[in-house]
N, C-alpha and C. Protein backbone atom coordinates (compact mmCIF):
# COMPACT_ATOMS: atom_id res chain seq x y z
N UNK A 1 0.79 -0.96 -0.22
CA UNK A 1 -0.21 0.24 -0.13
C UNK A 1 1.03 1.04 -0.16
N UNK A 2 0.56 2.37 -1.16
CA UNK A 2 1.18 3.46 -1.11
C UNK A 2 0.26 4.27 -0.58
N UNK A 3 1.13 4.96 0.94
CA UNK A 3 0.41 5.97 1.90
C UNK A 3 0.78 7.38 0.84
N UNK A 4 -0.16 8.45 0.77
CA UNK A 4 0.06 9.62 0.40
C UNK A 4 -0.58 11.06 0.96
N UNK A 5 0.40 11.70 1.19
CA UNK A 5 0.10 13.04 1.73
C UNK A 5 -0.51 14.08 0.82
N UNK A 6 -1.67 14.87 0.61
CA UNK A 6 -1.67 15.89 -0.40
C UNK A 6 -1.82 17.50 0.22
N UNK A 7 -1.08 18.35 -0.65
CA UNK A 7 -1.42 19.51 0.17
C UNK A 7 -1.23 20.64 -0.99
N UNK A 8 -2.50 21.19 -0.95
CA UNK A 8 -3.18 21.98 -1.88
C UNK A 8 -4.18 23.32 -1.45
N UNK A 9 -3.95 24.18 -1.59
CA UNK A 9 -5.03 25.10 -1.18
C UNK A 9 -5.96 25.53 -1.71
N UNK A 10 -6.23 25.04 -2.40
CA UNK A 10 -7.72 25.40 -3.54
C UNK A 10 -8.30 23.74 -2.92
N UNK A 11 -9.55 23.62 -2.02
CA UNK A 11 -9.87 22.47 -2.01
C UNK A 11 -10.61 21.51 -2.91
N UNK A 12 -11.08 22.59 -4.07
CA UNK A 12 -11.60 22.14 -4.76
C UNK A 12 -10.67 20.95 -5.98
N UNK A 13 -9.52 21.69 -5.67
CA UNK A 13 -8.57 20.41 -6.74
C UNK A 13 -8.18 18.76 -5.18
N UNK A 14 -8.08 19.43 -4.15
CA UNK A 14 -8.08 18.59 -3.62
C UNK A 14 -8.52 17.45 -3.13
N UNK A 15 -10.09 17.77 -3.26
CA UNK A 15 -11.53 17.10 -3.73
C UNK A 15 -11.29 16.43 -4.84
N UNK A 16 -11.05 17.02 -6.02
CA UNK A 16 -10.85 16.27 -7.05
C UNK A 16 -9.62 15.04 -7.40
N UNK A 17 -8.34 15.28 -6.48
CA UNK A 17 -7.71 14.45 -6.20
C UNK A 17 -7.77 13.42 -5.34
N UNK A 18 -8.54 13.63 -4.15
CA UNK A 18 -9.37 12.74 -3.42
C UNK A 18 -10.14 11.74 -3.76
N UNK A 19 -10.80 12.01 -4.85
CA UNK A 19 -11.93 11.36 -5.81
C UNK A 19 -10.98 10.34 -6.69
N UNK A 20 -10.03 11.39 -7.50
CA UNK A 20 -9.31 10.24 -7.86
C UNK A 20 -8.55 8.82 -7.59
N UNK A 21 -8.18 8.95 -6.31
CA UNK A 21 -7.34 7.81 -5.64
C UNK A 21 -8.16 7.27 -4.54
N UNK A 22 -9.32 7.58 -4.50
CA UNK A 22 -10.10 6.61 -3.28
C UNK A 22 -10.52 5.32 -3.59
N UNK A 23 -10.86 4.92 -5.18
CA UNK A 23 -10.54 3.72 -5.10
C UNK A 23 -9.60 3.11 -6.10
N UNK A 24 -8.69 3.65 -5.32
CA UNK A 24 -6.92 2.52 -5.79
C UNK A 24 -6.74 1.61 -4.81
N UNK A 25 -6.87 0.24 -5.20
CA UNK A 25 -6.63 -0.73 -4.25
C UNK A 25 -5.24 -0.60 -3.43
N UNK A 26 -4.10 0.30 -4.25
CA UNK A 26 -2.73 -0.19 -3.98
C UNK A 26 -2.25 1.71 -3.23
N UNK A 27 -3.36 2.34 -3.40
CA UNK A 27 -2.79 4.07 -2.95
C UNK A 27 -4.10 4.49 -1.57
N UNK A 28 -3.51 5.06 -0.80
CA UNK A 28 -3.84 5.20 0.40
C UNK A 28 -4.14 6.80 0.84
N UNK A 29 -4.49 7.42 1.14
CA UNK A 29 -4.34 8.93 1.65
C UNK A 29 -4.33 9.11 3.17
N UNK A 30 -3.34 9.21 3.63
CA UNK A 30 -3.51 9.58 4.89
C UNK A 30 -3.58 10.56 5.30
N UNK A 31 -3.28 12.15 4.26
CA UNK A 31 -3.80 13.41 5.33
C UNK A 31 -4.01 14.17 4.07
N UNK A 32 -4.47 15.19 4.36
CA UNK A 32 -4.62 16.59 3.31
C UNK A 32 -4.02 17.81 4.02
N UNK A 33 -3.49 18.81 3.53
CA UNK A 33 -2.98 20.25 4.19
C UNK A 33 -3.74 21.02 3.10
N UNK A 34 -3.70 22.31 3.58
CA UNK A 34 -3.96 23.35 2.75
C UNK A 34 -2.35 24.75 3.30
N UNK A 35 -2.00 24.29 3.88
CA UNK A 35 -0.55 24.99 4.00
C UNK A 35 0.73 23.84 3.98
N UNK A 36 1.76 24.75 3.83
CA UNK A 36 2.90 24.27 4.26
C UNK A 36 2.91 23.74 5.91
N UNK A 37 3.08 24.44 6.86
CA UNK A 37 2.70 23.69 7.82
C UNK A 37 2.32 22.75 8.53
N UNK A 38 1.09 23.00 7.85
CA UNK A 38 -0.05 21.58 8.11
C UNK A 38 0.91 20.09 7.99
N UNK A 39 1.04 20.80 6.13
CA UNK A 39 1.81 19.04 5.33
C UNK A 39 3.13 18.68 6.40
N UNK A 40 3.98 19.63 6.62
CA UNK A 40 5.30 19.25 7.98
C UNK A 40 4.35 18.66 8.93
N UNK A 41 3.05 18.84 9.71
CA UNK A 41 2.74 18.24 10.84
C UNK A 41 2.07 16.64 10.26
N UNK A 42 1.51 16.74 9.25
CA UNK A 42 0.66 15.51 8.33
C UNK A 42 2.17 14.40 8.45
N UNK A 43 3.09 14.61 7.74
CA UNK A 43 3.99 14.14 7.59
C UNK A 43 4.85 13.11 8.68
N UNK A 44 4.82 14.55 9.72
CA UNK A 44 5.73 13.67 10.95
C UNK A 44 4.82 12.99 12.05
N UNK A 45 3.71 12.79 11.91
CA UNK A 45 2.78 12.00 12.40
C UNK A 45 2.64 11.13 11.42
N UNK A 46 2.35 10.74 9.92
CA UNK A 46 1.80 9.71 9.39
C UNK A 46 2.80 9.14 8.84
N UNK A 47 4.00 9.82 8.14
CA UNK A 47 5.02 9.52 7.48
C UNK A 47 4.66 8.73 5.93
N UNK A 48 4.11 9.58 5.42
CA UNK A 48 3.41 8.69 4.19
C UNK A 48 4.64 8.27 2.91
N UNK A 49 4.44 7.84 2.35
CA UNK A 49 5.09 7.09 0.83
C UNK A 49 5.58 8.38 0.16
N UNK A 50 4.54 8.69 -0.59
CA UNK A 50 4.69 10.28 -1.04
C UNK A 50 3.98 11.78 -0.47
N UNK A 51 4.31 12.61 -0.79
CA UNK A 51 3.64 13.51 -0.83
C UNK A 51 3.83 14.71 -1.73
N UNK A 52 2.51 15.11 -2.31
CA UNK A 52 1.98 15.52 -3.16
C UNK A 52 1.94 16.82 -3.31
N UNK A 53 2.50 18.00 -3.19
CA UNK A 53 2.28 19.38 -2.71
C UNK A 53 2.49 20.39 -4.02
N UNK A 54 1.87 21.37 -3.81
CA UNK A 54 1.46 22.49 -4.26
C UNK A 54 2.80 23.24 -3.97
N UNK A 55 3.32 24.25 -4.86
CA UNK A 55 4.50 25.38 -4.31
C UNK A 55 4.49 26.33 -3.57
N UNK A 56 3.30 27.43 -4.15
CA UNK A 56 3.00 28.58 -3.55
C UNK A 56 1.83 28.06 -2.60
N UNK A 57 2.21 28.39 -1.16
CA UNK A 57 1.14 28.12 -0.11
C UNK A 57 1.18 28.69 1.08
N UNK A 58 0.21 28.67 1.63
CA UNK A 58 0.16 29.81 2.61
C UNK A 58 1.49 29.48 3.99
N UNK A 59 1.85 29.96 4.80
CA UNK A 59 2.62 29.94 5.84
C UNK A 59 3.80 29.47 5.69
N UNK A 60 4.16 28.32 5.23
CA UNK A 60 5.49 27.68 4.60
C UNK A 60 5.25 27.44 2.82
N UNK A 61 6.48 27.74 2.01
CA UNK A 61 5.87 27.29 0.52
C UNK A 61 5.97 25.79 0.20
N UNK A 62 5.93 25.46 -0.68
CA UNK A 62 6.29 23.99 -0.89
C UNK A 62 7.42 23.45 -1.18
N UNK A 63 8.44 24.76 -1.28
CA UNK A 63 9.88 24.33 -2.04
C UNK A 63 10.62 24.49 -0.25
N UNK A 64 9.96 25.06 0.55
CA UNK A 64 10.89 25.35 1.75
C UNK A 64 10.13 24.09 2.80
N UNK A 65 8.73 23.34 2.80
CA UNK A 65 8.33 22.49 3.43
C UNK A 65 8.90 21.38 2.83
N UNK A 66 9.11 20.87 1.77
CA UNK A 66 9.43 19.91 0.94
C UNK A 66 11.08 19.90 1.23
N UNK A 67 11.76 21.03 1.58
CA UNK A 67 13.51 20.95 2.48
C UNK A 67 13.15 20.04 3.24
N UNK A 68 12.67 20.73 4.32
CA UNK A 68 12.45 20.17 5.90
C UNK A 68 12.06 18.97 5.46
N UNK A 69 10.74 18.50 4.97
CA UNK A 69 10.17 17.04 4.98
C UNK A 69 11.80 15.80 4.27
N UNK A 70 12.22 16.40 3.58
CA UNK A 70 13.39 15.78 3.40
C UNK A 70 14.22 15.45 3.57
N UNK A 71 15.01 16.42 4.63
CA UNK A 71 16.12 16.62 5.77
C UNK A 71 15.39 15.41 6.71
N UNK A 72 13.94 15.92 7.10
CA UNK A 72 13.67 14.54 8.72
C UNK A 72 13.32 13.49 7.77
N UNK A 73 12.75 13.06 6.71
CA UNK A 73 12.10 12.01 6.35
C UNK A 73 12.64 11.55 4.77
N UNK A 74 14.06 11.19 4.80
CA UNK A 74 14.80 11.11 3.27
C UNK A 74 14.00 10.26 2.59
N UNK A 75 13.31 9.18 2.88
CA UNK A 75 12.73 7.96 2.41
C UNK A 75 11.67 8.55 1.39
N UNK A 76 10.81 9.39 2.04
CA UNK A 76 9.56 10.08 1.33
C UNK A 76 9.69 10.55 0.22
N UNK A 77 9.35 10.50 -0.75
CA UNK A 77 9.44 11.12 -2.09
C UNK A 77 8.18 12.40 -2.39
N UNK A 78 8.53 13.17 -2.93
CA UNK A 78 7.64 14.32 -3.48
C UNK A 78 7.68 14.67 -4.86
N UNK A 79 6.64 14.70 -5.00
CA UNK A 79 5.84 15.00 -6.25
C UNK A 79 5.57 16.71 -6.19
N UNK A 80 6.32 17.75 -6.93
CA UNK A 80 5.58 18.97 -7.13
C UNK A 80 4.08 18.66 -8.07
N UNK A 81 3.47 19.74 -8.05
CA UNK A 81 2.08 20.14 -8.35
C UNK A 81 1.85 21.32 -8.35
N UNK A 82 1.80 22.45 -9.44
CA UNK A 82 1.86 23.51 -9.95
C UNK A 82 1.43 23.97 -10.64
N UNK A 83 0.88 25.11 -10.80
CA UNK A 83 0.64 25.83 -11.95
C UNK A 83 2.14 26.71 -12.69
N UNK A 84 3.14 26.49 -12.52
CA UNK A 84 4.04 27.36 -12.74
C UNK A 84 4.93 26.23 -13.50
N UNK A 85 5.57 26.36 -14.59
CA UNK A 85 6.17 25.63 -15.66
C UNK A 85 7.77 26.51 -15.88
N UNK A 86 7.55 27.14 -15.28
CA UNK A 86 9.14 28.19 -15.22
C UNK A 86 10.19 26.78 -14.76
N UNK A 87 11.47 27.08 -15.79
CA UNK A 87 12.62 26.33 -15.22
C UNK A 87 13.53 26.70 -13.97
N UNK A 88 12.92 27.80 -12.92
CA UNK A 88 13.34 28.07 -11.99
C UNK A 88 12.73 27.38 -10.96
N UNK A 89 11.15 27.06 -11.30
CA UNK A 89 10.58 26.65 -10.22
C UNK A 89 10.82 25.21 -10.21
N UNK A 90 11.14 24.54 -11.22
CA UNK A 90 11.58 23.41 -11.14
C UNK A 90 12.62 22.91 -10.75
N UNK A 91 13.64 23.73 -11.25
CA UNK A 91 14.87 23.54 -10.55
C UNK A 91 15.32 23.13 -9.05
N UNK A 92 14.24 24.37 -8.29
CA UNK A 92 14.04 24.47 -6.90
C UNK A 92 13.64 23.60 -6.30
N UNK A 93 12.47 22.73 -6.91
CA UNK A 93 12.23 21.46 -6.64
C UNK A 93 13.25 20.02 -6.37
N UNK A 94 13.78 20.37 -7.51
CA UNK A 94 14.74 19.21 -7.78
C UNK A 94 15.41 19.36 -6.83
N UNK A 95 16.40 20.78 -6.37
CA UNK A 95 17.26 20.97 -5.42
C UNK A 95 17.25 20.59 -4.10
N UNK A 96 15.74 21.05 -3.70
CA UNK A 96 15.47 20.17 -2.71
C UNK A 96 14.95 18.56 -2.48
N UNK A 97 15.32 18.25 -3.25
CA UNK A 97 14.87 16.88 -3.65
C UNK A 97 13.56 16.26 -3.62
N UNK A 98 12.45 17.11 -4.82
CA UNK A 98 11.63 16.18 -5.39
C UNK A 98 11.78 15.30 -6.41
N UNK A 99 10.90 14.27 -6.98
CA UNK A 99 11.60 13.44 -7.73
C UNK A 99 10.56 13.29 -8.56
N UNK A 100 9.44 14.21 -8.74
CA UNK A 100 8.87 14.22 -9.77
C UNK A 100 7.53 16.14 -9.68
N UNK A 101 7.77 16.47 -10.89
CA UNK A 101 6.74 17.89 -11.18
C UNK A 101 6.13 17.37 -12.24
N UNK A 102 4.20 18.15 -11.86
CA UNK A 102 3.45 17.83 -12.02
C UNK A 102 2.63 19.24 -12.85
N UNK A 103 2.04 19.28 -13.54
CA UNK A 103 1.49 20.60 -13.98
C UNK A 103 -0.07 20.39 -13.10
N UNK A 104 -0.97 21.41 -12.73
CA UNK A 104 -1.82 21.29 -12.69
C UNK A 104 -3.10 21.35 -13.73
N UNK A 105 -2.69 21.64 -14.61
CA UNK A 105 -3.88 21.44 -16.44
C UNK A 105 -3.37 20.35 -17.18
N UNK A 106 -2.36 19.53 -16.26
CA UNK A 106 -2.65 18.14 -16.65
C UNK A 106 -3.87 17.15 -16.31
N UNK A 107 -3.84 16.16 -17.00
CA UNK A 107 -4.90 15.13 -16.86
C UNK A 107 -4.91 14.64 -15.03
N UNK A 108 -5.73 14.57 -14.34
CA UNK A 108 -5.91 14.00 -12.96
C UNK A 108 -4.89 12.17 -13.19
N UNK A 109 -5.15 11.72 -13.97
CA UNK A 109 -4.50 10.40 -14.17
C UNK A 109 -2.96 10.27 -14.05
N UNK A 110 -2.67 11.47 -14.20
CA UNK A 110 -0.86 11.95 -14.21
C UNK A 110 -0.69 11.97 -12.68
N UNK A 111 -1.72 12.10 -12.21
CA UNK A 111 -1.12 11.99 -10.63
C UNK A 111 -1.19 10.52 -10.15
N UNK A 112 -1.37 9.61 -10.42
CA UNK A 112 -1.61 8.39 -10.48
C UNK A 112 -0.27 7.67 -10.98
N UNK A 113 0.04 8.00 -12.19
CA UNK A 113 1.00 7.68 -13.38
C UNK A 113 2.18 8.06 -12.24
N UNK A 114 2.24 9.24 -11.70
CA UNK A 114 3.34 9.99 -11.08
C UNK A 114 3.90 9.02 -9.63
N UNK A 115 2.49 8.76 -8.93
CA UNK A 115 2.88 8.33 -7.80
C UNK A 115 3.46 6.99 -7.93
N UNK A 116 3.06 5.68 -8.48
CA UNK A 116 3.49 4.83 -8.97
C UNK A 116 4.99 4.96 -9.70
N UNK A 117 4.79 5.87 -10.55
CA UNK A 117 6.69 6.30 -10.76
C UNK A 117 7.66 5.76 -9.97
N UNK A 118 7.49 7.35 -9.26
CA UNK A 118 8.30 7.48 -7.90
C UNK A 118 8.40 6.42 -6.70
N UNK A 119 7.32 6.32 -6.63
CA UNK A 119 7.78 4.87 -5.46
C UNK A 119 8.73 3.83 -6.06
N UNK A 120 8.87 3.86 -6.96
CA UNK A 120 10.14 2.95 -7.41
C UNK A 120 11.65 3.00 -7.74
N UNK A 121 11.27 4.28 -7.40
CA UNK A 121 12.76 5.34 -7.43
C UNK A 121 13.08 5.85 -8.44
N UNK A 122 11.95 5.96 -9.70
CA UNK A 122 12.54 6.94 -11.04
C UNK A 122 11.87 8.37 -10.38
N UNK A 123 12.81 8.84 -11.88
CA UNK A 123 11.73 10.79 -11.46
C UNK A 123 10.33 10.45 -12.53
N UNK A 124 9.55 11.41 -12.33
CA UNK A 124 8.61 11.80 -13.00
C UNK A 124 8.53 12.85 -13.17
N UNK A 125 8.01 13.45 -14.70
CA UNK A 125 7.99 15.07 -14.90
C UNK A 125 6.80 15.33 -15.86
N UNK A 126 5.95 16.12 -15.97
CA UNK A 126 5.26 16.37 -17.18
C UNK A 126 5.42 16.48 -18.48
N UNK A 127 5.22 15.70 -18.93
CA UNK A 127 5.07 15.73 -20.58
C UNK A 127 5.82 16.49 -21.03
N UNK A 128 5.48 18.21 -20.40
CA UNK A 128 5.53 19.33 -21.68
C UNK A 128 7.07 20.24 -20.44
N UNK A 129 7.48 19.10 -19.77
CA UNK A 129 8.82 19.65 -19.07
C UNK A 129 9.72 19.14 -19.88
N UNK A 130 11.22 19.96 -20.37
CA UNK A 130 12.24 19.38 -20.96
C UNK A 130 13.20 19.16 -19.74
N UNK A 131 13.21 18.23 -19.07
CA UNK A 131 13.68 18.10 -18.11
C UNK A 131 15.26 18.01 -18.09
N UNK A 132 15.67 17.06 -19.50
CA UNK A 132 16.96 16.98 -19.46
C UNK A 132 17.90 18.00 -19.72
N UNK A 133 17.48 19.42 -20.43
CA UNK A 133 17.40 21.08 -20.47
C UNK A 133 17.46 21.20 -18.89
N UNK A 134 16.58 21.18 -18.20
CA UNK A 134 17.24 22.13 -17.18
C UNK A 134 17.90 21.32 -16.04
N UNK A 135 18.33 19.33 -16.05
CA UNK A 135 19.63 19.01 -15.62
C UNK A 135 20.71 19.66 -16.12
N UNK A 136 20.26 19.78 -17.80
CA UNK A 136 22.22 20.08 -18.18
C UNK A 136 22.15 21.43 -17.70
N UNK A 137 21.42 22.19 -17.56
CA UNK A 137 21.31 23.94 -17.16
C UNK A 137 21.81 24.06 -15.52
N UNK A 138 21.19 23.21 -14.88
CA UNK A 138 21.66 22.81 -13.42
C UNK A 138 23.21 22.55 -13.59
N UNK A 139 23.35 21.46 -14.24
CA UNK A 139 24.84 21.11 -13.83
C UNK A 139 25.79 22.40 -14.29
N UNK A 140 25.33 23.28 -15.28
CA UNK A 140 26.20 23.97 -15.59
C UNK A 140 26.40 25.47 -14.73
N UNK A 141 25.17 25.52 -14.23
CA UNK A 141 25.39 26.69 -13.17
C UNK A 141 25.96 26.63 -11.96
N UNK A 142 25.48 25.23 -11.49
CA UNK A 142 25.99 24.66 -10.31
C UNK A 142 27.36 25.59 -9.62
N UNK A 143 27.03 26.06 -8.46
CA UNK A 143 28.67 26.52 -7.95
C UNK A 143 28.40 26.77 -6.34
N UNK A 144 29.60 26.36 -5.93
CA UNK A 144 29.46 26.34 -4.28
C UNK A 144 28.91 27.78 -3.75
N UNK A 145 28.00 27.56 -2.90
CA UNK A 145 27.19 28.89 -2.06
C UNK A 145 28.13 29.56 -1.10
N UNK A 146 27.52 31.06 -1.02
CA UNK A 146 28.43 31.12 0.11
C UNK A 146 27.80 30.55 1.37
N UNK A 147 26.53 30.38 1.36
CA UNK A 147 25.78 30.02 2.96
C UNK A 147 25.85 28.63 3.01
N UNK A 148 26.22 27.66 3.77
CA UNK A 148 25.80 26.17 4.14
C UNK A 148 24.39 25.94 3.44
N UNK A 149 23.98 24.77 3.86
CA UNK A 149 22.41 24.77 3.14
C UNK A 149 21.87 24.79 4.77
N UNK A 150 22.27 24.96 5.86
CA UNK A 150 21.17 25.07 7.27
C UNK A 150 21.01 26.61 6.75
N UNK A 151 21.66 27.23 6.57
CA UNK A 151 21.86 28.70 6.42
C UNK A 151 21.22 29.42 5.44
N UNK A 152 21.07 28.46 4.82
CA UNK A 152 19.56 29.12 3.45
C UNK A 152 18.63 28.13 3.82
N UNK A 153 18.37 27.34 4.42
CA UNK A 153 17.06 27.18 5.10
C UNK A 153 16.70 27.92 5.88
N UNK A 154 17.46 28.58 6.83
CA UNK A 154 16.63 29.24 7.91
C UNK A 154 16.60 30.85 7.26
N UNK A 155 17.61 30.90 6.18
CA UNK A 155 16.94 32.33 5.69
C UNK A 155 16.30 32.35 4.84
N UNK A 156 15.73 31.19 4.63
CA UNK A 156 14.34 31.09 3.64
C UNK A 156 13.28 31.52 4.69
N UNK A 157 13.41 30.65 5.83
CA UNK A 157 11.84 30.76 6.60
C UNK A 157 12.18 32.24 7.27
N UNK A 158 13.45 32.86 7.55
CA UNK A 158 13.06 34.00 7.72
C UNK A 158 12.35 35.19 6.61
N UNK A 159 12.65 34.71 5.80
CA UNK A 159 11.82 35.72 4.44
C UNK A 159 10.38 35.51 4.51
N UNK A 160 10.32 34.52 5.01
CA UNK A 160 8.96 33.58 5.60
C UNK A 160 8.16 34.62 6.58
N UNK A 161 9.08 35.20 6.94
CA UNK A 161 8.14 35.84 8.46
C UNK A 161 8.34 35.27 9.74
N UNK A 162 9.03 34.11 9.71
CA UNK A 162 9.32 33.09 10.92
C UNK A 162 10.39 33.75 11.89
N UNK A 163 9.97 33.41 13.22
CA UNK A 163 10.83 33.91 14.37
C UNK A 163 11.75 33.19 14.91
N UNK A 164 13.15 33.51 15.39
CA UNK A 164 13.67 32.34 15.78
C UNK A 164 13.26 31.18 16.41
N UNK A 165 12.18 31.33 17.06
CA UNK A 165 11.83 30.26 18.35
C UNK A 165 10.53 29.35 17.06
N UNK A 166 10.01 30.17 15.80
CA UNK A 166 9.36 29.18 14.99
C UNK A 166 9.99 28.68 14.32
N UNK A 167 11.26 28.82 13.92
CA UNK A 167 12.27 28.51 13.09
C UNK A 167 12.89 27.30 13.88
N UNK A 168 13.48 27.53 15.05
CA UNK A 168 13.89 26.11 15.55
C UNK A 168 12.66 24.77 16.22
N UNK A 169 11.62 25.74 16.27
CA UNK A 169 10.76 24.03 16.29
C UNK A 169 10.51 23.44 14.72
N UNK A 170 10.21 24.24 14.15
CA UNK A 170 10.44 23.95 12.59
C UNK A 170 11.46 22.49 12.09
N UNK A 171 12.35 23.32 12.38
CA UNK A 171 14.02 22.44 12.00
C UNK A 171 14.08 21.49 13.36
N UNK A 172 12.83 21.33 14.37
CA UNK A 172 13.80 20.23 15.35
C UNK A 172 14.85 20.67 16.08
N UNK A 173 15.14 22.06 16.27
CA UNK A 173 16.46 22.20 16.92
C UNK A 173 16.47 23.37 17.96
N UNK A 174 17.67 23.63 18.89
CA UNK A 174 17.45 24.54 19.58
C UNK A 174 17.45 26.25 19.13
N UNK A 175 17.05 27.29 20.06
CA UNK A 175 16.76 28.05 19.41
C UNK A 175 17.85 28.98 19.72
N UNK A 176 18.62 28.30 20.24
CA UNK A 176 20.65 28.99 20.42
C UNK A 176 21.12 28.58 19.18
N UNK A 177 20.82 27.54 18.69
CA UNK A 177 21.34 27.01 17.35
C UNK A 177 20.76 27.75 15.86
N UNK A 178 19.85 28.49 16.19
CA UNK A 178 19.24 29.58 14.92
C UNK A 178 20.04 30.85 15.08
N UNK A 179 20.07 31.15 16.38
CA UNK A 179 20.74 31.98 16.55
C UNK A 179 22.17 32.14 16.05
N UNK A 180 22.97 31.32 16.34
CA UNK A 180 24.30 31.07 15.97
C UNK A 180 24.33 30.99 14.18
N UNK A 181 23.28 30.11 13.44
CA UNK A 181 23.18 30.64 12.08
C UNK A 181 22.87 31.99 11.80
N UNK A 182 21.95 32.49 12.55
CA UNK A 182 21.99 33.82 12.21
C UNK A 182 22.75 35.16 11.83
N UNK A 183 24.16 34.72 12.84
CA UNK A 183 25.37 35.74 13.44
C UNK A 183 26.37 35.19 12.56
N UNK A 184 26.13 34.00 11.93
CA UNK A 184 27.19 33.49 10.95
C UNK A 184 26.82 34.15 9.46
N UNK A 185 25.43 33.79 9.46
CA UNK A 185 24.93 34.17 8.14
C UNK A 185 25.19 36.28 8.01
N UNK A 186 24.99 37.14 9.21
CA UNK A 186 25.37 38.30 9.03
C UNK A 186 26.89 38.77 8.65
N UNK A 187 27.44 37.94 9.04
CA UNK A 187 28.80 37.57 9.09
C UNK A 187 29.54 37.52 7.87
N UNK A 188 28.89 36.66 7.48
CA UNK A 188 29.25 36.34 5.84
C UNK A 188 28.82 36.89 4.78
N UNK A 189 27.72 37.76 4.80
CA UNK A 189 26.77 38.59 4.25
C UNK A 189 27.27 39.95 4.15
N UNK A 190 28.39 40.30 5.28
CA UNK A 190 28.68 41.66 5.47
C UNK A 190 27.22 42.43 5.74
N UNK A 191 26.25 42.14 6.61
CA UNK A 191 25.13 42.69 7.46
C UNK A 191 25.76 43.67 8.41
N UNK A 192 24.74 44.42 8.73
CA UNK A 192 25.19 45.20 10.39
C UNK A 192 24.16 44.59 11.52
N UNK A 193 23.43 43.72 11.00
CA UNK A 193 22.42 43.11 12.00
C UNK A 193 20.87 42.67 11.98
N UNK A 194 20.30 41.84 12.51
CA UNK A 194 18.90 41.27 11.88
C UNK A 194 18.47 42.11 11.38
N UNK A 195 18.35 43.45 11.17
CA UNK A 195 17.60 44.22 10.57
C UNK A 195 17.57 43.98 9.22
N UNK A 196 19.12 43.47 8.91
CA UNK A 196 19.74 43.89 7.59
C UNK A 196 19.57 42.50 7.37
N UNK A 197 19.19 41.22 8.10
CA UNK A 197 19.11 40.06 7.82
C UNK A 197 18.09 39.75 6.88
N UNK A 198 16.90 40.42 7.75
CA UNK A 198 15.56 40.19 7.30
C UNK A 198 15.46 40.82 5.91
N UNK A 199 15.71 42.30 5.66
CA UNK A 199 15.35 42.75 4.53
C UNK A 199 16.34 41.76 3.22
N UNK A 200 17.31 41.57 3.79
CA UNK A 200 18.12 40.28 2.28
C UNK A 200 17.33 38.99 2.34
N UNK A 201 16.80 38.48 3.60
CA UNK A 201 16.04 37.47 3.44
C UNK A 201 14.97 38.06 2.39
N UNK A 202 14.34 38.82 2.60
CA UNK A 202 12.87 39.30 1.80
C UNK A 202 13.20 39.48 0.39
N UNK A 203 14.13 39.95 0.09
CA UNK A 203 15.02 40.33 -1.22
C UNK A 203 15.11 39.08 -2.17
N UNK A 204 15.85 38.18 -1.31
CA UNK A 204 16.30 36.89 -2.24
C UNK A 204 15.29 35.89 -1.86
N UNK A 205 14.27 35.93 -1.52
CA UNK A 205 13.39 34.71 -0.77
C UNK A 205 12.80 33.69 -1.85
N UNK A 206 13.26 33.92 -2.83
CA UNK A 206 13.14 32.89 -4.23
C UNK A 206 14.82 32.29 -4.75
N UNK A 207 15.77 32.80 -4.50
CA UNK A 207 16.87 33.05 -4.96
C UNK A 207 17.85 31.59 -4.58
N UNK A 208 17.55 30.75 -3.02
CA UNK A 208 17.88 30.26 -2.54
C UNK A 208 18.56 28.73 -3.33
């Protein structure tokens, strides 16, 4: 049995996916979320095999939520389900560990194919996506970032307006650890304090 969690802030689409999967004997939906925070809570409680997530969601977007999920539950397969087919959005989801990317204008039956494909360890991308070109582009532009992976994750959450205590709770770590990362980022980026770090995070929100 393949267990699935769905994160999508349009309830009508959630209902459609639930209806599609309801009668599949090998698939069971274990949770529905309308925002990224709720998705993380569901994954923590249910540990589904597959997560189908939108990218643009309230509270925590799909990129940040997927990054947290893959760090804590690396065996969970993630499929992005989005209106956006821009290369950068696809690259971001691949970078945080997504195994697939579907467009919302695709037939819902593609969701079934995607779930059954990624659970075998393969990737699945919408037919309209030239994934080979995106992979090639990512390899050519790949370079060592100034900030560490943890620092970039925290910067993303800062840009989403999360406090130190909220970030610590989401990352299952101590507030002192988050504060240490904040200080390191301020030093590395040549900023003067937390206010400038917040402005930087807001400006760079989708560049991590």
